[in-house]
C-alpha atoms as a PDB file:
ATOM      1  CA  UNK A   1       0.000   0.000   0.000  1.00  0.00           C
ATOM      2  CA  UNK A   2       1.975   2.932  -1.234  1.00  0.00           C
ATOM      3  CA  UNK A   3      -0.832   5.440  -1.802  1.00  0.00           C
ATOM      4  CA  UNK A   4      -2.058   7.357   1.256  1.00  0.00           C
ATOM      5  CA  UNK A   5      -5.585   7.555  -0.196  1.00  0.00           C
ATOM      6  CA  UNK A   6      -5.746   3.721  -0.241  1.00  0.00           C
ATOM      7  CA  UNK A   7      -5.003   3.566   3.501  1.00  0.00           C
ATOM      8  CA  UNK A   8      -7.506   6.227   4.662  1.00  0.00           C
ATOM      9  CA  UNK A   9     -10.994   5.149   3.545  1.00  0.00           C
ATOM     10  CA  UNK A  10     -13.115   7.970   5.038  1.00  0.00           C
ATOM     11  CA  UNK A  11     -13.517  10.113   8.162  1.00  0.00           C
ATOM     12  CA  UNK A  12     -16.029   8.915  10.740  1.00  0.00           C
ATOM     13  CA  UNK A  13     -18.220  11.799  11.871  1.00  0.00           C
ATOM     14  CA  UNK A  14     -20.532  11.086  14.807  1.00  0.00           C
ATOM     15  CA  UNK A  15     -21.484  12.975  17.961  1.00  0.00           C
ATOM     16  CA  UNK A  16     -18.886  11.020  19.931  1.00  0.00           C
ATOM     17  CA  UNK A  17     -16.058  11.695  17.457  1.00  0.00           C
ATOM     18  CA  UNK A  18     -16.920  15.406  17.309  1.00  0.00           C
ATOM     19  CA  UNK A  19     -16.708  15.631  21.127  1.00  0.00           C
ATOM     20  CA  UNK A  20     -13.326  13.858  21.007  1.00  0.00           C
ATOM     21  CA  UNK A  21     -12.125  16.321  18.380  1.00  0.00           C
ATOM     22  CA  UNK A  22     -13.131  19.354  20.457  1.00  0.00           C
ATOM     23  CA  UNK A  23     -11.911  18.039  23.817  1.00  0.00           C
ATOM     24  CA  UNK A  24      -8.728  16.067  23.008  1.00  0.00           C
ATOM     25  CA  UNK A  25      -7.845  17.082  19.410  1.00  0.00           C
ATOM     26  CA  UNK A  26      -8.506  13.484  18.233  1.00  0.00           C
ATOM     27  CA  UNK A  27      -9.902  12.655  14.784  1.00  0.00           C
ATOM     28  CA  UNK A  28     -11.378   9.278  13.764  1.00  0.00           C
ATOM     29  CA  UNK A  29     -11.016   7.623  10.351  1.00  0.00           C
ATOM     30  CA  UNK A  30     -12.028   4.345   8.777  1.00  0.00           C
ATOM     31  CA  UNK A  31      -8.844   2.742   7.467  1.00  0.00           C
ATOM     32  CA  UNK A  32      -7.947  -0.226   5.280  1.00  0.00           C
ATOM     33  CA  UNK A  33      -8.082  -3.629   6.990  1.00  0.00           C
ATOM     34  CA  UNK A  34      -4.368  -4.265   6.361  1.00  0.00           C
ATOM     35  CA  UNK A  35      -3.112  -0.826   7.501  1.00  0.00           C
ATOM     36  CA  UNK A  36      -0.920  -0.539  10.592  1.00  0.00           C
ATOM     37  CA  UNK A  37      -0.298   2.429  12.912  1.00  0.00           C
ATOM     38  CA  UNK A  38       2.823   3.620  11.104  1.00  0.00           C
ATOM     39  CA  UNK A  39       1.116   3.599   7.697  1.00  0.00           C
ATOM     40  CA  UNK A  40      -1.878   5.500   9.128  1.00  0.00           C
ATOM     41  CA  UNK A  41       0.419   8.125  10.706  1.00  0.00           C
ATOM     42  CA  UNK A  42       2.312   8.699   7.440  1.00  0.00           C
ATOM     43  CA  UNK A  43      -0.920   8.841   5.392  1.00  0.00           C
ATOM     44  CA  UNK A  44      -2.604  11.405   7.702  1.00  0.00           C
ATOM     45  CA  UNK A  45       0.496  13.600   7.776  1.00  0.00           C
ATOM     46  CA  UNK A  46       0.768  13.439   3.973  1.00  0.00           C
ATOM     47  CA  UNK A  47      -2.915  14.082   3.162  1.00  0.00           C
ATOM     48  CA  UNK A  48      -3.748  16.769   5.746  1.00  0.00           C
ATOM     49  CA  UNK A  49      -0.279  18.281   6.302  1.00  0.00           C
ATOM     50  CA  UNK A  50      -0.474  17.991  10.115  1.00  0.00           C
ATOM     51  CA  UNK A  51       1.735  16.514  12.866  1.00  0.00           C
ATOM     52  CA  UNK A  52       0.382  13.265  14.369  1.00  0.00           C
ATOM     53  CA  UNK A  53       1.177  12.604  18.018  1.00  0.00           C
ATOM     54  CA  UNK A  54      -0.432   9.176  18.527  1.00  0.00           C
ATOM     55  CA  UNK A  55      -2.484   6.563  16.634  1.00  0.00           C
ATOM     56  CA  UNK A  56      -4.832   3.980  18.166  1.00  0.00           C
ATOM     57  CA  UNK A  57      -6.483   1.323  16.005  1.00  0.00           C
ATOM     58  CA  UNK A  58      -9.762  -0.456  16.824  1.00  0.00           C
ATOM     59  CA  UNK A  59     -11.203  -3.451  14.977  1.00  0.00           C
ATOM     60  CA  UNK A  60     -15.008  -3.202  15.087  1.00  0.00           C
ATOM     61  CA  UNK A  61     -16.663  -6.585  14.708  1.00  0.00           C
ATOM     62  CA  UNK A  62     -19.822  -7.014  12.593  1.00  0.00           C
ATOM     63  CA  UNK A  63     -23.161  -6.762  14.400  1.00  0.00           C
ATOM     64  CA  UNK A  64     -26.295  -8.745  13.636  1.00  0.00           C
ATOM     65  CA  UNK A  65     -29.179  -6.489  12.606  1.00  0.00           C
ATOM     66  CA  UNK A  66     -32.814  -7.422  12.061  1.00  0.00           C
ATOM     67  CA  UNK A  67     -35.330  -5.535   9.897  1.00  0.00           C
ATOM     68  CA  UNK A  68     -38.722  -7.235  10.032  1.00  0.00           C
ATOM     69  CA  UNK A  69     -38.224 -10.894   9.190  1.00  0.00           C
ATOM     70  CA  UNK A  70     -34.861 -10.270   7.482  1.00  0.00           C
ATOM     71  CA  UNK A  71     -31.614 -10.661   9.351  1.00  0.00           C
ATOM     72  CA  UNK A  72     -28.119  -9.718   8.263  1.00  0.00           C
ATOM     73  CA  UNK A  73     -24.738  -8.501   9.463  1.00  0.00           C
ATOM     74  CA  UNK A  74     -23.068  -5.124   9.243  1.00  0.00           C
ATOM     75  CA  UNK A  75     -19.610  -5.031   7.730  1.00  0.00           C
ATOM     76  CA  UNK A  76     -16.486  -5.212   9.900  1.00  0.00           C
ATOM     77  CA  UNK A  77     -14.611  -1.898  10.126  1.00  0.00           C
ATOM     78  CA  UNK A  78     -11.094  -0.912  11.189  1.00  0.00           C
ATOM     79  CA  UNK A  79     -11.023   2.510  12.859  1.00  0.00           C
ATOM     80  CA  UNK A  80      -8.018   4.703  13.570  1.00  0.00           C
ATOM     81  CA  UNK A  81      -8.237   7.313  16.337  1.00  0.00           C
ATOM     82  CA  UNK A  82      -5.529   9.886  15.576  1.00  0.00           C
ATOM     83  CA  UNK A  83      -4.331  12.374  18.202  1.00  0.00           C
ATOM     84  CA  UNK A  84      -2.937  15.502  16.589  1.00  0.00           C
ATOM     85  CA  UNK A  85      -0.106  17.567  18.041  1.00  0.00           C
ATOM     86  CA  UNK A  86      -0.972  20.842  19.766  1.00  0.00           C
ATOM     87  CA  UNK A  87      -1.644  23.640  17.298  1.00  0.00           C
ATOM     88  CA  UNK A  88      -2.614  21.278  14.459  1.00  0.00           C
ATOM     89  CA  UNK A  89      -6.217  20.822  13.376  1.00  0.00           C
ATOM     90  CA  UNK A  90      -8.209  18.984  10.698  1.00  0.00           C
ATOM     91  CA  UNK A  91     -11.535  20.525   9.649  1.00  0.00           C
ATOM     92  CA  UNK A  92     -13.770  17.684   8.419  1.00  0.00           C
ATOM     93  CA  UNK A  93     -17.035  19.595   8.141  1.00  0.00           C
END
């Protein structure tokens, strides 16, 4: 995976992630399943031109959902919670 855009799939914008961004300067992204912390750090710094302080990665397992009589599973997601250095900011909205 040499391209930074292949590693970072999309930003995850929820109420919880917005609170984390305001309080702790942390931004959350969905990343490729094979990406590691170092690759995520390099990709974020390259795409957004910011200094990354720390990267945490969470594997979210699929959940079973039911709609009427139909049952299925959500897709598994790999999330990266990126803490930015002081003075750096990413505006996702």
